[in-house]
Amino acid sequence: EADPVGYHAINKIEPKPKVQVAVPSQPKKPKYQDIFGQWLCDMAAQDKRLVGITPAMCEGSGMVEFSRRFPDRFHDVAICEQHAVTLAGGLACENQKPVVAIYSTFLQRGYDQLIHDVALQDLDVTFALDRAGLVGEDGATHGGVFDLAYLRTVPNMIIAAPSDENECRQLLSSSYQHEGPAAVRYPRGTGPGVAIEKPLDTLPIGQARTLRDGQQVAILAFGALTPAALDAGKALNATVLDMRWVKPLDRDAILKATASHTLLVTVEDHQRMGGAGSAVNELLHEEGLLVDVLNLALPDHFIHHGKRDALLAQAGLDAEGIETQIRARLSEQQRLREAR
């Protein structure tokens, strides 16, 4: 009770070893929540219309510094996710630019408000979805593994999935400058360690980037699993695309990859059903294209506690697992060719 913030989420308590061994300290990589918090302060200093909203997750969402520097533009509405979303819609109607910092799993509670009070009116609200994907020790209750499925069906919504720290900052700026509802999903914890550029640069909406050119296999990576997909792509000499956007998809990049590769692979930290891979499948179906597609994503069951890296490995979504599953599909393709 004396320290509600510190005891909100307690790490595993290990007994102290009898013999203390000095371990050289390594520079800490920033957490995604800290990258968001810094971006929020920088953008607020530039744009006086920005208002920050959180449903009782000021510390967890990296908003402490923002609340100190811009107290008149900070609203903690307590554990009332529905109110957070509707408040944002109301402020947007008054020419403010609200940013709702909310865990992916908790936006589910405000889904009705997101549709009726924001998206239906095409209001300018930015959703910063922290803890997207698996969250490790926090378990299934906090896993943000459904957001792509429930967001990409909503008209007027755009959805960004950054692959590293700097891209997170850039896609936050891109979504904020977009005049309409937008969501940026990023994971719990740290990223791969990419240097963060200070300017508030934006990226073109719906445009992917090619990380490497290869042959036969094209890997379409969405979000935080892009580094693992790139490692697998190097081992396979595959083309790897950092898709950046789940909605709108980069149609031209996907069609180009389809025309020049025999296997498309989608990789995402989200449930397989209804996710980014499903969006790619829908696009190919609409275009009348027949191509072998392998959707790599989380299985259809709740995933409980464990280290995030270990849970991803169990789901076959680390670099080794991605490579193994692709090689298995390529072997199946070869078997079918020989059978003909």
C-alpha atoms as a PDB file:
ATOM      1  CA  GLU A   1       0.000   0.000   0.000  1.00  0.00           C
ATOM      2  CA  ALA A   2       2.906   2.338   0.632  1.00  0.00           C
ATOM      3  CA  ASP A   3       4.323   1.688  -2.868  1.00  0.00           C
ATOM      4  CA  PRO A   4       1.410   0.809  -5.189  1.00  0.00           C
ATOM      5  CA  VAL A   5       3.408   1.553  -8.350  1.00  0.00           C
ATOM      6  CA  GLY A   6       6.400  -0.565  -7.388  1.00  0.00           C
ATOM      7  CA  TYR A   7       4.249  -3.454  -6.249  1.00  0.00           C
ATOM      8  CA  HIS A   8       1.799  -3.369  -9.139  1.00  0.00           C
ATOM      9  CA  ALA A   9       3.954  -5.900 -10.971  1.00  0.00           C
ATOM     10  CA  ILE A  10       6.681  -7.677  -9.048  1.00  0.00           C
ATOM     11  CA  ASN A  11       9.463  -9.522 -10.819  1.00  0.00           C
ATOM     12  CA  LYS A  12      10.446 -13.004  -9.724  1.00  0.00           C
ATOM     13  CA  ILE A  13      12.340 -12.744  -6.432  1.00  0.00           C
ATOM     14  CA  GLU A  14      15.554 -14.729  -6.475  1.00  0.00           C
ATOM     15  CA  PRO A  15      17.593 -15.477  -3.319  1.00  0.00           C
ATOM     16  CA  LYS A  16      20.822 -13.548  -3.185  1.00  0.00           C
ATOM     17  CA  PRO A  17      23.858 -15.767  -3.855  1.00  0.00           C
ATOM     18  CA  LYS A  18      26.225 -16.237  -0.922  1.00  0.00           C
ATOM     19  CA  VAL A  19      29.151 -15.207  -3.075  1.00  0.00           C
ATOM     20  CA  GLN A  20      28.605 -11.987  -5.003  1.00  0.00           C
ATOM     21  CA  VAL A  21      30.171 -12.011  -8.452  1.00  0.00           C
ATOM     22  CA  ALA A  22      30.762  -8.644 -10.067  1.00  0.00           C
ATOM     23  CA  VAL A  23      29.192  -8.504 -13.516  1.00  0.00           C
ATOM     24  CA  PRO A  24      30.243  -5.654 -15.793  1.00  0.00           C
ATOM     25  CA  SER A  25      27.265  -3.429 -16.470  1.00  0.00           C
ATOM     26  CA  GLN A  26      26.025  -3.070 -20.026  1.00  0.00           C
ATOM     27  CA  PRO A  27      24.284   0.032 -21.358  1.00  0.00           C
ATOM     28  CA  LYS A  28      20.552  -0.551 -21.166  1.00  0.00           C
ATOM     29  CA  LYS A  29      18.458  -0.419 -24.307  1.00  0.00           C
ATOM     30  CA  PRO A  30      15.359   1.772 -24.011  1.00  0.00           C
ATOM     31  CA  LYS A  31      12.029   0.052 -23.598  1.00  0.00           C
ATOM     32  CA  TYR A  32       9.357   0.715 -26.185  1.00  0.00           C
ATOM     33  CA  GLN A  33       7.251   2.445 -23.542  1.00  0.00           C
ATOM     34  CA  ASP A  34      10.135   4.874 -22.953  1.00  0.00           C
ATOM     35  CA  ILE A  35      10.465   5.499 -26.688  1.00  0.00           C
ATOM     36  CA  PHE A  36       6.769   6.348 -26.761  1.00  0.00           C
ATOM     37  CA  GLY A  37       7.085   8.599 -23.712  1.00  0.00           C
ATOM     38  CA  GLN A  38       9.946  10.567 -25.250  1.00  0.00           C
ATOM     39  CA  TRP A  39       8.099  10.854 -28.559  1.00  0.00           C
ATOM     40  CA  LEU A  40       4.986  12.086 -26.730  1.00  0.00           C
ATOM     41  CA  CYS A  41       6.937  14.859 -24.995  1.00  0.00           C
ATOM     42  CA  ASP A  42       8.709  15.869 -28.200  1.00  0.00           C
ATOM     43  CA  MET A  43       5.507  15.976 -30.215  1.00  0.00           C
ATOM     44  CA  ALA A  44       3.650  17.844 -27.456  1.00  0.00           C
ATOM     45  CA  ALA A  45       6.384  20.501 -27.428  1.00  0.00           C
ATOM     46  CA  GLN A  46       5.847  20.933 -31.161  1.00  0.00           C
ATOM     47  CA  ASP A  47       2.039  20.715 -31.256  1.00  0.00           C
ATOM     48  CA  LYS A  48      -0.007  22.438 -28.542  1.00  0.00           C
ATOM     49  CA  ARG A  49      -3.113  20.516 -29.593  1.00  0.00           C
ATOM     50  CA  LEU A  50      -1.707  17.184 -28.376  1.00  0.00           C
ATOM     51  CA  VAL A  51      -3.478  15.709 -25.349  1.00  0.00           C
ATOM     52  CA  GLY A  52      -2.323  12.512 -23.624  1.00  0.00           C
ATOM     53  CA  ILE A  53      -4.843  10.078 -22.153  1.00  0.00           C
ATOM     54  CA  THR A  54      -4.256   6.894 -20.156  1.00  0.00           C
ATOM     55  CA  PRO A  55      -6.560   4.541 -18.250  1.00  0.00           C
ATOM     56  CA  ALA A  56      -4.424   4.209 -15.088  1.00  0.00           C
ATOM     57  CA  MET A  57      -1.197   3.184 -16.841  1.00  0.00           C
ATOM     58  CA  CYS A  58       0.873   6.368 -16.591  1.00  0.00           C
ATOM     59  CA  GLU A  59       4.004   4.566 -15.403  1.00  0.00           C
ATOM     60  CA  GLY A  60       3.576   1.437 -17.496  1.00  0.00           C
ATOM     61  CA  SER A  61       2.981   3.428 -20.656  1.00  0.00           C
ATOM     62  CA  GLY A  62       5.952   5.747 -20.147  1.00  0.00           C
ATOM     63  CA  MET A  63       3.937   8.925 -19.514  1.00  0.00           C
ATOM     64  CA  VAL A  64       5.445  10.119 -16.223  1.00  0.00           C
ATOM     65  CA  GLU A  65       7.637  12.791 -17.806  1.00  0.00           C
ATOM     66  CA  PHE A  66       4.770  13.952 -20.019  1.00  0.00           C
ATOM     67  CA  SER A  67       2.485  14.284 -16.982  1.00  0.00           C
ATOM     68  CA  ARG A  68       5.095  16.458 -15.262  1.00  0.00           C
ATOM     69  CA  ARG A  69       5.903  18.686 -18.227  1.00  0.00           C
ATOM     70  CA  PHE A  70       2.358  19.022 -19.573  1.00  0.00           C
ATOM     71  CA  PRO A  71       0.008  18.552 -16.599  1.00  0.00           C
ATOM     72  CA  ASP A  72      -2.813  20.526 -18.235  1.00  0.00           C
ATOM     73  CA  ARG A  73      -2.752  18.176 -21.220  1.00  0.00           C
ATOM     74  CA  PHE A  74      -2.523  14.892 -19.294  1.00  0.00           C
ATOM     75  CA  HIS A  75      -5.613  12.916 -18.347  1.00  0.00           C
ATOM     76  CA  ASP A  76      -5.496   9.735 -16.276  1.00  0.00           C
ATOM     77  CA  VAL A  77      -9.093   8.497 -16.290  1.00  0.00           C
ATOM     78  CA  ALA A  78      -8.375   5.554 -13.970  1.00  0.00           C
ATOM     79  CA  ILE A  79      -9.375   2.013 -14.935  1.00  0.00           C
ATOM     80  CA  CYS A  80     -12.034   3.191 -17.379  1.00  0.00           C
ATOM     81  CA  GLU A  81     -10.918   2.210 -20.851  1.00  0.00           C
ATOM     82  CA  GLN A  82     -14.296   2.997 -22.394  1.00  0.00           C
ATOM     83  CA  HIS A  83     -14.155   6.515 -20.978  1.00  0.00           C
ATOM     84  CA  ALA A  84     -10.583   6.993 -22.223  1.00  0.00           C
ATOM     85  CA  VAL A  85     -11.666   6.290 -25.806  1.00  0.00           C
ATOM     86  CA  THR A  86     -14.838   8.398 -25.683  1.00  0.00           C
ATOM     87  CA  LEU A  87     -12.980  11.285 -24.034  1.00  0.00           C
ATOM     88  CA  ALA A  88     -10.477  11.153 -26.890  1.00  0.00           C
ATOM     89  CA  GLY A  89     -13.322  11.318 -29.405  1.00  0.00           C
ATOM     90  CA  GLY A  90     -14.838  14.308 -27.660  1.00  0.00           C
ATOM     91  CA  LEU A  91     -11.537  16.162 -27.549  1.00  0.00           C
ATOM     92  CA  ALA A  92     -10.973  15.430 -31.249  1.00  0.00           C
ATOM     93  CA  CYS A  93     -14.317  17.112 -31.953  1.00  0.00           C
ATOM     94  CA  GLU A  94     -12.906  20.247 -30.290  1.00  0.00           C
ATOM     95  CA  ASN A  95      -9.830  20.453 -32.546  1.00  0.00           C
ATOM     96  CA  GLN A  96      -7.530  18.712 -30.082  1.00  0.00           C
ATOM     97  CA  LYS A  97      -5.249  15.843 -31.114  1.00  0.00           C
ATOM     98  CA  PRO A  98      -5.612  13.132 -28.461  1.00  0.00           C
ATOM     99  CA  VAL A  99      -3.154  10.267 -28.043  1.00  0.00           C
ATOM    100  CA  VAL A 100      -4.532   7.314 -26.072  1.00  0.00           C
ATOM    101  CA  ALA A 101      -1.783   5.232 -24.490  1.00  0.00           C
ATOM    102  CA  ILE A 102      -3.293   1.859 -23.701  1.00  0.00           C
ATOM    103  CA  TYR A 103      -2.228  -1.746 -23.493  1.00  0.00           C
ATOM    104  CA  SER A 104      -3.404  -3.755 -26.481  1.00  0.00           C
ATOM    105  CA  THR A 105      -5.320  -6.205 -24.316  1.00  0.00           C
ATOM    106  CA  PHE A 106      -7.197  -3.392 -22.545  1.00  0.00           C
ATOM    107  CA  LEU A 107      -8.359  -1.632 -25.699  1.00  0.00           C
ATOM    108  CA  GLN A 108     -10.625  -4.649 -26.125  1.00  0.00           C
ATOM    109  CA  ARG A 109     -12.711  -3.181 -23.290  1.00  0.00           C
ATOM    110  CA  GLY A 110     -13.264   0.014 -25.259  1.00  0.00           C
ATOM    111  CA  TYR A 111     -14.029  -1.600 -28.614  1.00  0.00           C
ATOM    112  CA  ASP A 112     -17.612  -0.355 -28.838  1.00  0.00           C
ATOM    113  CA  GLN A 113     -16.456   3.192 -28.109  1.00  0.00           C
ATOM    114  CA  LEU A 114     -13.647   2.917 -30.646  1.00  0.00           C
ATOM    115  CA  ILE A 115     -16.152   2.051 -33.365  1.00  0.00           C
ATOM    116  CA  HIS A 116     -19.048   4.379 -32.466  1.00  0.00           C
ATOM    117  CA  ASP A 117     -17.307   7.309 -30.801  1.00  0.00           C
ATOM    118  CA  VAL A 118     -14.135   7.513 -32.933  1.00  0.00           C
ATOM    119  CA  ALA A 119     -14.041   5.496 -36.170  1.00  0.00           C
ATOM    120  CA  LEU A 120     -17.650   6.053 -37.262  1.00  0.00           C
ATOM    121  CA  GLN A 121     -17.044   9.803 -37.205  1.00  0.00           C
ATOM    122  CA  ASP A 122     -13.513   9.451 -38.635  1.00  0.00           C
ATOM    123  CA  LEU A 123     -12.083  11.401 -35.699  1.00  0.00           C
ATOM    124  CA  ASP A 124      -8.409  12.240 -35.368  1.00  0.00           C
ATOM    125  CA  VAL A 125      -7.346   9.960 -32.495  1.00  0.00           C
ATOM    126  CA  THR A 126      -4.025   8.143 -32.221  1.00  0.00           C
ATOM    127  CA  PHE A 127      -3.893   4.886 -30.234  1.00  0.00           C
ATOM    128  CA  ALA A 128      -0.488   3.872 -28.869  1.00  0.00           C
ATOM    129  CA  LEU A 129      -0.918   0.141 -28.264  1.00  0.00           C
ATOM    130  CA  ASP A 130       1.687  -0.965 -25.771  1.00  0.00           C
ATOM    131  CA  ARG A 131       2.268  -4.655 -24.906  1.00  0.00           C
ATOM    132  CA  ALA A 132       1.191  -5.853 -28.352  1.00  0.00           C
ATOM    133  CA  GLY A 133       1.913  -9.538 -28.921  1.00  0.00           C
ATOM    134  CA  LEU A 134       3.142 -11.908 -26.234  1.00  0.00           C
ATOM    135  CA  VAL A 135       4.024 -10.249 -22.934  1.00  0.00           C
ATOM    136  CA  GLY A 136       5.999 -13.008 -21.242  1.00  0.00           C
ATOM    137  CA  GLU A 137       5.508 -13.306 -17.504  1.00  0.00           C
ATOM    138  CA  ASP A 138       2.343 -11.180 -17.468  1.00  0.00           C
ATOM    139  CA  GLY A 139       0.544 -14.107 -19.077  1.00  0.00           C
ATOM    140  CA  ALA A 140      -2.543 -14.576 -21.213  1.00  0.00           C
ATOM    141  CA  THR A 141      -4.620 -11.844 -19.538  1.00  0.00           C
ATOM    142  CA  HIS A 142      -2.185  -9.206 -20.758  1.00  0.00           C
ATOM    143  CA  GLY A 143      -1.244 -10.732 -24.112  1.00  0.00           C
ATOM    144  CA  GLY A 144      -2.021  -8.287 -26.916  1.00  0.00           C
ATOM    145  CA  VAL A 145      -2.561 -10.967 -29.535  1.00  0.00           C
ATOM    146  CA  PHE A 146      -5.987  -9.992 -30.925  1.00  0.00           C
ATOM    147  CA  ASP A 147      -5.612  -6.314 -31.835  1.00  0.00           C
ATOM    148  CA  LEU A 148      -4.945  -6.711 -35.553  1.00  0.00           C
ATOM    149  CA  ALA A 149      -8.023  -8.889 -35.948  1.00  0.00           C
ATOM    150  CA  TYR A 150     -10.358  -6.525 -34.133  1.00  0.00           C
ATOM    151  CA  LEU A 151      -8.884  -3.293 -35.534  1.00  0.00           C
ATOM    152  CA  ARG A 152      -8.344  -3.986 -39.212  1.00  0.00           C
ATOM    153  CA  THR A 153     -12.062  -4.700 -39.755  1.00  0.00           C
ATOM    154  CA  VAL A 154     -12.957  -1.163 -38.619  1.00  0.00           C
ATOM    155  CA  PRO A 155     -13.436   1.387 -41.450  1.00  0.00           C
ATOM    156  CA  ASN A 156     -11.235   4.525 -41.382  1.00  0.00           C
ATOM    157  CA  MET A 157      -8.649   2.843 -39.121  1.00  0.00           C
ATOM    158  CA  ILE A 158      -4.995   2.579 -40.126  1.00  0.00           C
ATOM    159  CA  ILE A 159      -2.587   0.256 -38.267  1.00  0.00           C
ATOM    160  CA  ALA A 160       1.190   0.452 -38.016  1.00  0.00           C
ATOM    161  CA  ALA A 161       3.555  -2.264 -36.754  1.00  0.00           C
ATOM    162  CA  PRO A 162       7.112  -0.983 -36.204  1.00  0.00           C
ATOM    163  CA  SER A 163      10.020  -3.392 -36.420  1.00  0.00           C
ATOM    164  CA  ASP A 164      12.494  -1.472 -34.254  1.00  0.00           C
ATOM    165  CA  GLU A 165      12.913   1.501 -31.940  1.00  0.00           C
ATOM    166  CA  ASN A 166      13.480   4.187 -34.557  1.00  0.00           C
ATOM    167  CA  GLU A 167      10.666   2.929 -36.745  1.00  0.00           C
ATOM    168  CA  CYS A 168       8.387   3.049 -33.699  1.00  0.00           C
ATOM    169  CA  ARG A 169       9.100   6.752 -33.307  1.00  0.00           C
ATOM    170  CA  GLN A 170       8.628   7.388 -37.028  1.00  0.00           C
ATOM    171  CA  LEU A 171       5.371   5.447 -37.250  1.00  0.00           C
ATOM    172  CA  LEU A 172       4.016   7.214 -34.164  1.00  0.00           C
ATOM    173  CA  SER A 173       4.664  10.504 -35.960  1.00  0.00           C
ATOM    174  CA  SER A 174       3.124   9.160 -39.176  1.00  0.00           C
ATOM    175  CA  SER A 175      -0.014   7.996 -37.381  1.00  0.00           C
ATOM    176  CA  TYR A 176      -0.291  11.213 -35.396  1.00  0.00           C
ATOM    177  CA  GLN A 177      -0.088  13.361 -38.520  1.00  0.00           C
ATOM    178  CA  HIS A 178      -2.736  11.222 -40.239  1.00  0.00           C
ATOM    179  CA  GLU A 179      -6.108  12.994 -39.993  1.00  0.00           C
ATOM    180  CA  GLY A 180      -8.166  10.088 -38.722  1.00  0.00           C
ATOM    181  CA  PRO A 181      -8.083   7.146 -36.318  1.00  0.00           C
ATOM    182  CA  ALA A 182      -4.740   5.369 -36.227  1.00  0.00           C
ATOM    183  CA  ALA A 183      -3.098   2.687 -34.104  1.00  0.00           C
ATOM    184  CA  VAL A 184       0.565   1.858 -33.571  1.00  0.00           C
ATOM    185  CA  ARG A 185       1.257  -1.521 -31.964  1.00  0.00           C
ATOM    186  CA  TYR A 186       4.568  -2.221 -30.253  1.00  0.00           C
ATOM    187  CA  PRO A 187       5.720  -4.926 -27.833  1.00  0.00           C
ATOM    188  CA  ARG A 188       6.618  -5.037 -24.180  1.00  0.00           C
ATOM    189  CA  GLY A 189      10.286  -4.572 -23.342  1.00  0.00           C
ATOM    190  CA  THR A 190      13.222  -3.599 -25.502  1.00  0.00           C
ATOM    191  CA  GLY A 191      13.885  -3.783 -29.220  1.00  0.00           C
ATOM    192  CA  PRO A 192      16.879  -4.862 -31.297  1.00  0.00           C
ATOM    193  CA  GLY A 193      18.928  -1.793 -30.334  1.00  0.00           C
ATOM    194  CA  VAL A 194      18.564   0.475 -33.379  1.00  0.00           C
ATOM    195  CA  ALA A 195      19.700   4.078 -32.877  1.00  0.00           C
ATOM    196  CA  ILE A 196      16.833   6.520 -32.482  1.00  0.00           C
ATOM    197  CA  GLU A 197      16.829   9.649 -34.611  1.00  0.00           C
ATOM    198  CA  LYS A 198      15.687  12.847 -32.901  1.00  0.00           C
ATOM    199  CA  PRO A 199      13.604  14.454 -35.687  1.00  0.00           C
ATOM    200  CA  LEU A 200       9.873  13.702 -35.758  1.00  0.00           C
ATOM    201  CA  ASP A 201      10.078  12.246 -39.253  1.00  0.00           C
ATOM    202  CA  THR A 202       7.132  10.466 -40.837  1.00  0.00           C
ATOM    203  CA  LEU A 203       6.974   7.480 -43.177  1.00  0.00           C
ATOM    204  CA  PRO A 204       4.607   7.023 -46.137  1.00  0.00           C
ATOM    205  CA  ILE A 205       1.398   5.318 -45.053  1.00  0.00           C
ATOM    206  CA  GLY A 206       0.972   1.844 -46.516  1.00  0.00           C
ATOM    207  CA  GLN A 207       4.519   1.527 -47.820  1.00  0.00           C
ATOM    208  CA  ALA A 208       6.845  -1.366 -46.950  1.00  0.00           C
ATOM    209  CA  ARG A 209      10.629  -1.483 -47.266  1.00  0.00           C
ATOM    210  CA  THR A 210      12.859  -4.245 -48.607  1.00  0.00           C
ATOM    211  CA  LEU A 211      15.470  -5.423 -46.110  1.00  0.00           C
ATOM    212  CA  ARG A 212      17.143  -7.932 -48.429  1.00  0.00           C
ATOM    213  CA  ASP A 213      16.656  -9.407 -51.900  1.00  0.00           C
ATOM    214  CA  GLY A 214      16.719 -13.156 -52.275  1.00  0.00           C
ATOM    215  CA  GLN A 215      15.290 -15.995 -54.304  1.00  0.00           C
ATOM    216  CA  GLN A 216      12.340 -18.371 -54.218  1.00  0.00           C
ATOM    217  CA  VAL A 217      11.015 -17.280 -50.797  1.00  0.00           C
ATOM    218  CA  ALA A 218       9.654 -13.843 -49.842  1.00  0.00           C
ATOM    219  CA  ILE A 219       9.127 -13.212 -46.128  1.00  0.00           C
ATOM    220  CA  LEU A 220       6.619 -10.485 -45.278  1.00  0.00           C
ATOM    221  CA  ALA A 221       7.447  -9.499 -41.700  1.00  0.00           C
ATOM    222  CA  PHE A 222       5.066  -7.455 -39.572  1.00  0.00           C
ATOM    223  CA  GLY A 223       6.335  -5.685 -36.484  1.00  0.00           C
ATOM    224  CA  ALA A 224       8.546  -6.925 -33.688  1.00  0.00           C
ATOM    225  CA  LEU A 225       9.414 -10.289 -35.272  1.00  0.00           C
ATOM    226  CA  THR A 226      11.091  -8.637 -38.254  1.00  0.00           C
ATOM    227  CA  PRO A 227      14.655  -9.107 -36.880  1.00  0.00           C
ATOM    228  CA  ALA A 228      14.020 -12.847 -36.418  1.00  0.00           C
ATOM    229  CA  ALA A 229      12.509 -13.048 -39.896  1.00  0.00           C
ATOM    230  CA  LEU A 230      15.562 -11.288 -41.304  1.00  0.00           C
ATOM    231  CA  ASP A 231      17.913 -13.786 -39.641  1.00  0.00           C
ATOM    232  CA  ALA A 232      15.887 -16.637 -41.115  1.00  0.00           C
ATOM    233  CA  GLY A 233      15.889 -14.899 -44.497  1.00  0.00           C
ATOM    234  CA  LYS A 234      19.667 -14.658 -44.506  1.00  0.00           C
ATOM    235  CA  ALA A 235      19.985 -18.387 -43.784  1.00  0.00           C
ATOM    236  CA  LEU A 236      17.553 -19.181 -46.618  1.00  0.00           C
ATOM    237  CA  ASN A 237      18.710 -16.494 -49.067  1.00  0.00           C
ATOM    238  CA  ALA A 238      15.137 -15.231 -49.025  1.00  0.00           C
ATOM    239  CA  THR A 239      13.729 -11.817 -49.800  1.00  0.00           C
ATOM    240  CA  VAL A 240      12.623 -10.062 -46.599  1.00  0.00           C
ATOM    241  CA  LEU A 241      10.179  -7.163 -46.443  1.00  0.00           C
ATOM    242  CA  ASP A 242       9.542  -5.021 -43.385  1.00  0.00           C
ATOM    243  CA  MET A 243       5.853  -4.408 -44.039  1.00  0.00           C
ATOM    244  CA  ARG A 244       5.447  -1.584 -41.489  1.00  0.00           C
ATOM    245  CA  TRP A 245       1.702  -1.291 -42.095  1.00  0.00           C
ATOM    246  CA  VAL A 246      -1.014  -3.895 -41.545  1.00  0.00           C
ATOM    247  CA  LYS A 247      -3.695  -1.527 -42.848  1.00  0.00           C
ATOM    248  CA  PRO A 248      -3.359  -0.353 -45.506  1.00  0.00           C
ATOM    249  CA  LEU A 249      -1.153  -3.095 -46.878  1.00  0.00           C
ATOM    250  CA  ASP A 250       1.499  -2.317 -49.461  1.00  0.00           C
ATOM    251  CA  ARG A 251      -0.377  -3.913 -52.347  1.00  0.00           C
ATOM    252  CA  ASP A 252       2.312  -3.236 -54.940  1.00  0.00           C
ATOM    253  CA  ALA A 253       5.083  -4.772 -52.811  1.00  0.00           C
ATOM    254  CA  ILE A 254       3.021  -7.899 -52.165  1.00  0.00           C
ATOM    255  CA  LEU A 255       2.094  -8.347 -55.826  1.00  0.00           C
ATOM    256  CA  LYS A 256       5.723  -7.830 -56.869  1.00  0.00           C
ATOM    257  CA  ALA A 257       6.852 -10.472 -54.362  1.00  0.00           C
ATOM    258  CA  THR A 258       4.158 -12.842 -55.597  1.00  0.00           C
ATOM    259  CA  ALA A 259       5.290 -12.496 -59.194  1.00  0.00           C
ATOM    260  CA  SER A 260       8.938 -13.285 -58.480  1.00  0.00           C
ATOM    261  CA  HIS A 261       8.823 -15.943 -55.722  1.00  0.00           C
ATOM    262  CA  THR A 262       7.314 -19.404 -55.349  1.00  0.00           C
ATOM    263  CA  LEU A 263       6.542 -19.057 -51.633  1.00  0.00           C
ATOM    264  CA  LEU A 264       5.217 -16.137 -49.605  1.00  0.00           C
ATOM    265  CA  VAL A 265       5.678 -16.303 -45.828  1.00  0.00           C
ATOM    266  CA  THR A 266       3.945 -13.924 -43.408  1.00  0.00           C
ATOM    267  CA  VAL A 267       5.379 -13.519 -39.893  1.00  0.00           C
ATOM    268  CA  GLU A 268       3.619 -11.758 -37.018  1.00  0.00           C
ATOM    269  CA  ASP A 269       3.374 -11.681 -33.220  1.00  0.00           C
ATOM    270  CA  HIS A 270      -0.427 -12.133 -33.247  1.00  0.00           C
ATOM    271  CA  GLN A 271      -3.014 -14.876 -33.500  1.00  0.00           C
ATOM    272  CA  ARG A 272      -2.974 -16.534 -36.914  1.00  0.00           C
ATOM    273  CA  MET A 273      -6.698 -16.113 -37.493  1.00  0.00           C
ATOM    274  CA  GLY A 274      -7.651 -12.610 -38.542  1.00  0.00           C
ATOM    275  CA  GLY A 275      -4.147 -11.180 -38.355  1.00  0.00           C
ATOM    276  CA  ALA A 276      -1.763  -9.664 -40.871  1.00  0.00           C
ATOM    277  CA  GLY A 277      -1.317 -12.977 -42.675  1.00  0.00           C
ATOM    278  CA  SER A 278      -5.070 -13.207 -43.143  1.00  0.00           C
ATOM    279  CA  ALA A 279      -5.029  -9.703 -44.623  1.00  0.00           C
ATOM    280  CA  VAL A 280      -2.392 -10.803 -47.152  1.00  0.00           C
ATOM    281  CA  ASN A 281      -4.443 -13.905 -47.994  1.00  0.00           C
ATOM    282  CA  GLU A 282      -7.513 -11.722 -48.611  1.00  0.00           C
ATOM    283  CA  LEU A 283      -5.569  -9.404 -50.914  1.00  0.00           C
ATOM    284  CA  LEU A 284      -4.251 -12.314 -52.983  1.00  0.00           C
ATOM    285  CA  HIS A 285      -7.744 -13.795 -53.214  1.00  0.00           C
ATOM    286  CA  GLU A 286      -9.189 -10.470 -54.355  1.00  0.00           C
ATOM    287  CA  GLU A 287      -6.492 -10.264 -57.039  1.00  0.00           C
ATOM    288  CA  GLY A 288      -7.281 -13.814 -58.206  1.00  0.00           C
ATOM    289  CA  LEU A 289      -3.718 -14.990 -57.585  1.00  0.00           C
ATOM    290  CA  LEU A 290      -2.767 -18.564 -56.791  1.00  0.00           C
ATOM    291  CA  VAL A 291       0.461 -18.687 -54.804  1.00  0.00           C
ATOM    292  CA  ASP A 292       1.752 -20.861 -51.979  1.00  0.00           C
ATOM    293  CA  VAL A 293       1.441 -18.889 -48.724  1.00  0.00           C
ATOM    294  CA  LEU A 294       2.716 -19.883 -45.284  1.00  0.00           C
ATOM    295  CA  ASN A 295       1.229 -17.882 -42.397  1.00  0.00           C
ATOM    296  CA  LEU A 296       3.481 -18.001 -39.328  1.00  0.00           C
ATOM    297  CA  ALA A 297       1.755 -16.639 -36.244  1.00  0.00           C
ATOM    298  CA  LEU A 298       0.545 -17.629 -32.781  1.00  0.00           C
ATOM    299  CA  PRO A 299      -1.569 -20.785 -32.391  1.00  0.00           C
ATOM    300  CA  ASP A 300      -5.264 -20.892 -31.540  1.00  0.00           C
ATOM    301  CA  HIS A 301      -4.944 -21.192 -27.770  1.00  0.00           C
ATOM    302  CA  PHE A 302      -4.088 -18.943 -24.854  1.00  0.00           C
ATOM    303  CA  ILE A 303      -0.375 -18.784 -24.119  1.00  0.00           C
ATOM    304  CA  HIS A 304       0.442 -18.417 -20.448  1.00  0.00           C
ATOM    305  CA  HIS A 305       3.429 -17.307 -18.403  1.00  0.00           C
ATOM    306  CA  GLY A 306       7.053 -17.570 -19.436  1.00  0.00           C
ATOM    307  CA  LYS A 307       9.936 -15.562 -20.824  1.00  0.00           C
ATOM    308  CA  ARG A 308       8.826 -13.844 -24.028  1.00  0.00           C
ATOM    309  CA  ASP A 309      11.729 -15.265 -26.043  1.00  0.00           C
ATOM    310  CA  ALA A 310      10.996 -18.777 -24.771  1.00  0.00           C
ATOM    311  CA  LEU A 311       7.293 -18.489 -25.607  1.00  0.00           C
ATOM    312  CA  LEU A 312       8.059 -17.256 -29.121  1.00  0.00           C
ATOM    313  CA  ALA A 313      10.458 -20.146 -29.597  1.00  0.00           C
ATOM    314  CA  GLN A 314       7.769 -22.607 -28.468  1.00  0.00           C
ATOM    315  CA  ALA A 315       5.441 -21.099 -31.064  1.00  0.00           C
ATOM    316  CA  GLY A 316       8.105 -21.451 -33.759  1.00  0.00           C
ATOM    317  CA  LEU A 317       8.455 -17.697 -34.106  1.00  0.00           C
ATOM    318  CA  ASP A 318      12.130 -17.258 -33.309  1.00  0.00           C
ATOM    319  CA  ALA A 319      14.661 -17.195 -36.147  1.00  0.00           C
ATOM    320  CA  GLU A 320      15.304 -20.934 -35.912  1.00  0.00           C
ATOM    321  CA  GLY A 321      11.616 -21.782 -35.838  1.00  0.00           C
ATOM    322  CA  ILE A 322      10.822 -19.548 -38.784  1.00  0.00           C
ATOM    323  CA  GLU A 323      13.631 -21.082 -40.820  1.00  0.00           C
ATOM    324  CA  THR A 324      12.616 -24.638 -39.893  1.00  0.00           C
ATOM    325  CA  GLN A 325       8.988 -24.119 -40.913  1.00  0.00           C
ATOM    326  CA  ILE A 326       9.955 -22.525 -44.212  1.00  0.00           C
ATOM    327  CA  ARG A 327      12.359 -25.361 -45.032  1.00  0.00           C
ATOM    328  CA  ALA A 328       9.599 -27.853 -44.266  1.00  0.00           C
ATOM    329  CA  ARG A 329       7.247 -26.093 -46.701  1.00  0.00           C
ATOM    330  CA  LEU A 330       9.942 -25.950 -49.390  1.00  0.00           C
ATOM    331  CA  SER A 331      10.516 -29.693 -48.947  1.00  0.00           C
ATOM    332  CA  GLU A 332       6.769 -30.254 -49.355  1.00  0.00           C
ATOM    333  CA  GLN A 333       6.786 -28.169 -52.538  1.00  0.00           C
ATOM    334  CA  GLN A 334       9.636 -30.308 -53.896  1.00  0.00           C
ATOM    335  CA  ARG A 335       7.831 -33.529 -53.003  1.00  0.00           C
ATOM    336  CA  LEU A 336       4.711 -32.381 -54.833  1.00  0.00           C
ATOM    337  CA  ARG A 337       6.704 -31.397 -57.917  1.00  0.00           C
ATOM    338  CA  GLU A 338       8.346 -34.802 -58.015  1.00  0.00           C
ATOM    339  CA  ALA A 339       4.984 -36.549 -57.564  1.00  0.00           C
ATOM    340  CA  ARG A 340       3.664 -34.820 -60.698  1.00  0.00           C
END
